N, C-alpha and C. Protein backbone atom coordinates (compact mmCIF):
# COMPACT_ATOMS: atom_id res chain seq x y z
N MET A 1 -125.20 42.72 114.77
CA MET A 1 -126.29 43.50 115.31
C MET A 1 -126.80 44.51 114.27
N ALA A 2 -125.88 45.17 113.58
CA ALA A 2 -126.29 46.20 112.62
C ALA A 2 -127.18 45.65 111.53
N GLN A 3 -126.94 44.40 111.12
CA GLN A 3 -127.74 43.84 110.04
C GLN A 3 -129.19 43.63 110.45
N LEU A 4 -129.50 43.70 111.72
CA LEU A 4 -130.88 43.51 112.18
C LEU A 4 -131.70 44.78 112.03
N LEU A 5 -131.05 45.90 111.82
CA LEU A 5 -131.76 47.17 111.77
C LEU A 5 -132.18 47.51 110.35
N ASN A 6 -133.27 48.25 110.26
CA ASN A 6 -133.71 48.76 108.97
C ASN A 6 -133.07 50.13 108.80
N TYR A 7 -131.92 50.17 108.15
CA TYR A 7 -131.21 51.43 108.01
C TYR A 7 -131.99 52.46 107.22
N GLY A 8 -132.80 52.04 106.28
CA GLY A 8 -133.59 52.99 105.50
C GLY A 8 -134.45 53.85 106.39
N ALA A 9 -135.16 53.25 107.32
CA ALA A 9 -136.01 54.01 108.23
C ALA A 9 -135.17 54.86 109.17
N TYR A 10 -134.08 54.33 109.64
CA TYR A 10 -133.20 55.05 110.56
C TYR A 10 -132.59 56.26 109.86
N ASP A 11 -132.02 56.01 108.68
CA ASP A 11 -131.33 57.07 107.96
C ASP A 11 -132.26 58.20 107.52
N SER A 12 -133.50 57.88 107.24
CA SER A 12 -134.42 58.92 106.76
C SER A 12 -134.68 59.99 107.81
N ASN A 13 -134.31 59.74 109.05
CA ASN A 13 -134.41 60.76 110.08
C ASN A 13 -133.33 61.83 109.94
N TYR A 14 -132.27 61.51 109.19
CA TYR A 14 -131.11 62.39 109.14
C TYR A 14 -130.75 62.90 107.75
N VAL A 15 -131.14 62.18 106.71
CA VAL A 15 -130.75 62.57 105.35
C VAL A 15 -131.95 62.52 104.42
N ARG A 16 -131.85 63.26 103.32
CA ARG A 16 -132.93 63.26 102.33
C ARG A 16 -132.92 61.98 101.50
N ASP A 17 -131.73 61.59 101.06
CA ASP A 17 -131.59 60.35 100.29
C ASP A 17 -130.14 59.90 100.39
N GLU A 18 -129.83 58.77 99.77
CA GLU A 18 -128.50 58.17 99.95
C GLU A 18 -127.37 59.04 99.39
N ARG A 19 -127.65 59.96 98.50
CA ARG A 19 -126.60 60.86 98.00
C ARG A 19 -126.02 61.72 99.11
N ASP A 20 -126.82 62.01 100.14
CA ASP A 20 -126.33 62.82 101.25
C ASP A 20 -125.18 62.15 102.00
N PHE A 21 -125.06 60.84 101.88
CA PHE A 21 -123.99 60.15 102.60
C PHE A 21 -122.60 60.47 102.06
N ASP A 22 -122.53 61.11 100.91
CA ASP A 22 -121.25 61.55 100.37
C ASP A 22 -120.88 62.95 100.85
N ASP A 23 -121.77 63.60 101.58
CA ASP A 23 -121.58 64.96 102.07
C ASP A 23 -120.79 64.91 103.38
N PRO A 24 -119.59 65.52 103.45
CA PRO A 24 -118.78 65.44 104.66
C PRO A 24 -119.48 65.84 105.96
N PRO A 25 -120.36 66.87 105.98
CA PRO A 25 -121.04 67.14 107.25
C PRO A 25 -121.95 65.99 107.71
N VAL A 26 -122.43 65.19 106.77
CA VAL A 26 -123.25 64.03 107.11
C VAL A 26 -122.36 62.85 107.47
N CYS A 27 -121.32 62.64 106.70
CA CYS A 27 -120.41 61.52 106.90
C CYS A 27 -118.98 62.04 106.89
N PRO A 28 -118.43 62.34 108.07
CA PRO A 28 -117.08 62.90 108.14
C PRO A 28 -116.00 62.02 107.50
N LEU A 29 -116.31 60.76 107.27
CA LEU A 29 -115.34 59.89 106.59
C LEU A 29 -114.99 60.42 105.20
N HIS A 30 -115.86 61.24 104.63
CA HIS A 30 -115.62 61.80 103.31
C HIS A 30 -114.95 63.17 103.37
N ALA A 31 -114.64 63.63 104.57
CA ALA A 31 -114.02 64.95 104.73
C ALA A 31 -112.50 64.85 104.65
N ASP A 32 -111.87 65.98 104.44
CA ASP A 32 -110.42 66.07 104.52
C ASP A 32 -110.08 66.17 106.01
N LEU A 33 -109.51 65.12 106.56
CA LEU A 33 -109.25 65.04 107.99
C LEU A 33 -107.85 65.52 108.36
N ARG A 34 -107.04 65.84 107.37
CA ARG A 34 -105.67 66.28 107.65
C ARG A 34 -105.68 67.55 108.48
N GLY A 35 -104.76 67.59 109.44
CA GLY A 35 -104.62 68.79 110.25
C GLY A 35 -105.53 68.84 111.47
N LEU A 36 -106.37 67.83 111.64
CA LEU A 36 -107.22 67.82 112.83
C LEU A 36 -106.36 67.55 114.07
N PRO A 37 -106.82 68.01 115.23
CA PRO A 37 -106.06 67.76 116.46
C PRO A 37 -106.17 66.29 116.86
N PRO A 38 -105.33 65.85 117.80
CA PRO A 38 -105.44 64.48 118.30
C PRO A 38 -106.88 64.20 118.74
N SER A 39 -107.29 62.96 118.53
CA SER A 39 -108.69 62.58 118.79
C SER A 39 -108.78 61.36 119.69
N PHE A 40 -109.77 61.37 120.56
CA PHE A 40 -110.08 60.24 121.43
C PHE A 40 -111.44 59.71 121.00
N LEU A 41 -111.49 58.44 120.60
CA LEU A 41 -112.75 57.82 120.18
C LEU A 41 -113.14 56.75 121.18
N ALA A 42 -114.23 56.98 121.90
CA ALA A 42 -114.80 56.00 122.82
C ALA A 42 -115.86 55.24 122.04
N ILE A 43 -115.57 53.98 121.71
CA ILE A 43 -116.44 53.19 120.84
C ILE A 43 -117.20 52.16 121.66
N ALA A 44 -118.51 52.20 121.56
CA ALA A 44 -119.36 51.21 122.24
C ALA A 44 -119.38 49.93 121.40
N GLU A 45 -118.96 48.83 122.00
CA GLU A 45 -118.86 47.56 121.28
C GLU A 45 -120.16 47.18 120.59
N CYS A 46 -121.29 47.38 121.26
CA CYS A 46 -122.59 46.92 120.74
C CYS A 46 -123.37 48.02 120.02
N ASP A 47 -122.72 49.10 119.68
CA ASP A 47 -123.37 50.20 118.96
C ASP A 47 -123.51 49.83 117.49
N VAL A 48 -124.66 50.14 116.91
CA VAL A 48 -124.85 49.88 115.48
C VAL A 48 -123.86 50.70 114.64
N LEU A 49 -123.30 51.74 115.22
CA LEU A 49 -122.35 52.58 114.51
C LEU A 49 -120.89 52.25 114.84
N ALA A 50 -120.65 51.17 115.58
CA ALA A 50 -119.29 50.82 115.99
C ALA A 50 -118.35 50.67 114.80
N ASP A 51 -118.81 50.00 113.75
CA ASP A 51 -117.96 49.82 112.57
C ASP A 51 -117.61 51.16 111.92
N LYS A 52 -118.56 52.08 111.91
CA LYS A 52 -118.28 53.41 111.35
C LYS A 52 -117.29 54.17 112.23
N ASN A 53 -117.39 53.97 113.54
CA ASN A 53 -116.43 54.61 114.45
C ASN A 53 -115.03 54.05 114.24
N ARG A 54 -114.92 52.73 114.06
CA ARG A 54 -113.62 52.13 113.79
C ARG A 54 -113.06 52.64 112.45
N ALA A 55 -113.93 52.77 111.47
CA ALA A 55 -113.51 53.30 110.16
C ALA A 55 -113.03 54.74 110.31
N MET A 56 -113.68 55.51 111.18
CA MET A 56 -113.26 56.89 111.41
C MET A 56 -111.88 56.92 112.04
N ALA A 57 -111.64 56.04 112.99
CA ALA A 57 -110.32 55.96 113.62
C ALA A 57 -109.26 55.65 112.57
N GLU A 58 -109.55 54.72 111.69
CA GLU A 58 -108.61 54.36 110.63
C GLU A 58 -108.39 55.53 109.67
N ALA A 59 -109.47 56.23 109.31
CA ALA A 59 -109.35 57.37 108.41
C ALA A 59 -108.52 58.49 109.04
N LEU A 60 -108.71 58.72 110.33
CA LEU A 60 -107.91 59.72 111.03
C LEU A 60 -106.43 59.33 111.02
N CYS A 61 -106.15 58.06 111.29
CA CYS A 61 -104.76 57.58 111.25
C CYS A 61 -104.17 57.78 109.87
N ASN A 62 -104.95 57.44 108.85
CA ASN A 62 -104.47 57.60 107.47
C ASN A 62 -104.21 59.05 107.11
N ALA A 63 -104.87 59.97 107.82
CA ALA A 63 -104.68 61.41 107.60
C ALA A 63 -103.59 61.97 108.52
N ASN A 64 -102.84 61.05 109.16
CA ASN A 64 -101.76 61.42 110.08
C ASN A 64 -102.25 62.19 111.30
N VAL A 65 -103.46 61.87 111.73
CA VAL A 65 -104.00 62.44 112.97
C VAL A 65 -103.76 61.43 114.07
N GLU A 66 -103.24 61.90 115.19
CA GLU A 66 -103.03 61.01 116.34
C GLU A 66 -104.39 60.60 116.90
N VAL A 67 -104.58 59.29 117.08
CA VAL A 67 -105.88 58.77 117.53
C VAL A 67 -105.69 57.83 118.70
N GLU A 68 -106.48 58.02 119.71
CA GLU A 68 -106.62 57.07 120.82
C GLU A 68 -107.99 56.45 120.64
N GLU A 69 -108.01 55.17 120.34
CA GLU A 69 -109.27 54.45 120.08
C GLU A 69 -109.48 53.44 121.20
N ARG A 70 -110.62 53.54 121.89
CA ARG A 70 -110.95 52.59 122.95
C ARG A 70 -112.31 51.99 122.67
N VAL A 71 -112.38 50.67 122.72
CA VAL A 71 -113.65 49.97 122.55
C VAL A 71 -114.10 49.51 123.93
N TYR A 72 -115.31 49.87 124.30
CA TYR A 72 -115.86 49.53 125.61
C TYR A 72 -116.78 48.33 125.45
N GLN A 73 -116.28 47.18 125.95
CA GLN A 73 -116.98 45.91 125.81
C GLN A 73 -118.36 45.96 126.48
N GLY A 74 -119.37 45.52 125.77
CA GLY A 74 -120.72 45.45 126.31
C GLY A 74 -121.49 46.76 126.25
N ALA A 75 -120.82 47.84 125.88
CA ALA A 75 -121.49 49.15 125.84
C ALA A 75 -122.37 49.26 124.60
N THR A 76 -123.45 50.00 124.74
CA THR A 76 -124.39 50.23 123.64
C THR A 76 -124.35 51.71 123.24
N HIS A 77 -125.05 52.03 122.17
CA HIS A 77 -125.13 53.40 121.68
C HIS A 77 -125.55 54.35 122.80
N SER A 78 -124.94 55.50 122.87
CA SER A 78 -125.25 56.54 123.87
C SER A 78 -124.87 56.15 125.29
N PHE A 79 -123.95 55.19 125.44
CA PHE A 79 -123.60 54.76 126.80
C PHE A 79 -122.97 55.87 127.62
N LEU A 80 -122.35 56.85 127.00
CA LEU A 80 -121.73 57.93 127.75
C LEU A 80 -122.76 58.84 128.41
N GLU A 81 -123.96 58.82 127.91
CA GLU A 81 -125.01 59.69 128.46
C GLU A 81 -125.61 59.15 129.76
N VAL A 82 -125.28 57.94 130.12
CA VAL A 82 -125.86 57.34 131.33
C VAL A 82 -124.80 57.23 132.43
N VAL A 83 -123.90 58.19 132.47
CA VAL A 83 -122.77 58.14 133.39
C VAL A 83 -123.21 58.01 134.85
N ARG A 84 -124.32 58.56 135.19
CA ARG A 84 -124.76 58.50 136.59
C ARG A 84 -125.16 57.10 137.02
N ILE A 85 -125.48 56.25 136.07
CA ILE A 85 -125.95 54.91 136.45
C ILE A 85 -125.08 53.78 135.91
N ALA A 86 -124.06 54.09 135.14
CA ALA A 86 -123.27 53.03 134.55
C ALA A 86 -121.79 53.23 134.82
N ALA A 87 -121.18 52.24 135.47
CA ALA A 87 -119.75 52.32 135.78
C ALA A 87 -118.91 52.38 134.51
N LEU A 88 -119.33 51.70 133.45
CA LEU A 88 -118.58 51.70 132.20
C LEU A 88 -118.54 53.10 131.59
N SER A 89 -119.64 53.81 131.66
CA SER A 89 -119.70 55.18 131.16
C SER A 89 -118.74 56.07 131.95
N ASP A 90 -118.76 55.89 133.25
CA ASP A 90 -117.88 56.66 134.13
C ASP A 90 -116.42 56.39 133.77
N ARG A 91 -116.08 55.13 133.55
CA ARG A 91 -114.71 54.77 133.18
C ARG A 91 -114.31 55.42 131.86
N ALA A 92 -115.19 55.37 130.86
CA ALA A 92 -114.88 55.95 129.56
C ALA A 92 -114.66 57.46 129.66
N LEU A 93 -115.50 58.14 130.40
CA LEU A 93 -115.35 59.59 130.55
C LEU A 93 -114.08 59.94 131.31
N ASN A 94 -113.75 59.14 132.34
CA ASN A 94 -112.51 59.37 133.08
C ASN A 94 -111.29 59.16 132.18
N GLU A 95 -111.31 58.11 131.37
CA GLU A 95 -110.19 57.85 130.46
C GLU A 95 -110.06 58.96 129.43
N ALA A 96 -111.18 59.44 128.90
CA ALA A 96 -111.14 60.53 127.93
C ALA A 96 -110.61 61.81 128.57
N THR A 97 -111.02 62.06 129.81
CA THR A 97 -110.56 63.25 130.53
C THR A 97 -109.05 63.18 130.77
N CYS A 98 -108.56 62.03 131.21
CA CYS A 98 -107.12 61.86 131.43
C CYS A 98 -106.35 62.06 130.13
N TRP A 99 -106.88 61.51 129.06
CA TRP A 99 -106.23 61.66 127.75
C TRP A 99 -106.18 63.14 127.36
N LEU A 100 -107.27 63.85 127.55
CA LEU A 100 -107.33 65.27 127.19
C LEU A 100 -106.34 66.08 128.02
N VAL A 101 -106.24 65.80 129.31
CA VAL A 101 -105.28 66.50 130.17
C VAL A 101 -103.86 66.26 129.66
N GLN A 102 -103.55 65.02 129.26
CA GLN A 102 -102.23 64.73 128.71
C GLN A 102 -101.97 65.53 127.44
N GLN A 103 -102.97 65.65 126.58
CA GLN A 103 -102.82 66.41 125.34
C GLN A 103 -102.56 67.88 125.63
N VAL A 104 -103.32 68.45 126.55
CA VAL A 104 -103.14 69.86 126.90
C VAL A 104 -101.77 70.08 127.52
N ASN A 105 -101.37 69.20 128.44
CA ASN A 105 -100.06 69.34 129.07
C ASN A 105 -98.94 69.23 128.04
N ARG A 106 -99.09 68.35 127.06
CA ARG A 106 -98.09 68.21 126.01
C ARG A 106 -98.01 69.49 125.18
N GLU A 107 -99.17 70.08 124.86
CA GLU A 107 -99.18 71.33 124.09
C GLU A 107 -98.51 72.46 124.87
N ILE A 108 -98.78 72.52 126.16
CA ILE A 108 -98.18 73.56 126.99
C ILE A 108 -96.67 73.38 127.03
N LYS A 109 -96.23 72.13 127.23
CA LYS A 109 -94.80 71.82 127.30
C LYS A 109 -94.10 72.13 125.98
N ASP A 110 -94.75 71.85 124.88
CA ASP A 110 -94.14 72.03 123.56
C ASP A 110 -94.27 73.44 122.99
N SER A 111 -95.08 74.28 123.63
CA SER A 111 -95.27 75.63 123.08
C SER A 111 -94.11 76.54 123.50
N PRO A 112 -93.78 77.49 122.65
CA PRO A 112 -92.69 78.42 123.01
C PRO A 112 -93.11 79.26 124.21
N SER A 113 -92.16 79.51 125.08
CA SER A 113 -92.48 80.30 126.27
C SER A 113 -92.66 81.77 125.88
N ILE A 114 -93.52 82.41 126.63
CA ILE A 114 -93.81 83.83 126.39
C ILE A 114 -92.95 84.64 127.35
N SER A 115 -92.19 85.57 126.81
CA SER A 115 -91.30 86.39 127.65
C SER A 115 -91.98 87.64 128.08
């Protein structure tokens, strides 16, 4: 799917030229990811950016960041924004919420008690 898009036109909405893609705020894959908190990545299978999302999950793992990566079959870019009309969006948000609650509970359990 991604090969069907004209990335030049798309990218020009976000960057001045291709050199900007080496800038971590533009492309977090070039950032130092060490020390980031656990991350949940909801990846839309049919998103033109799905491969970049998978690469981000791999980069986070390589930086020893705990990653929960979920690919939502049939989902397209921005599928989470249509939660009111799409069951798949609702499922992804519920799974992310459950994951976040587990992370917070783990932090609370592992933190030293305050006397």
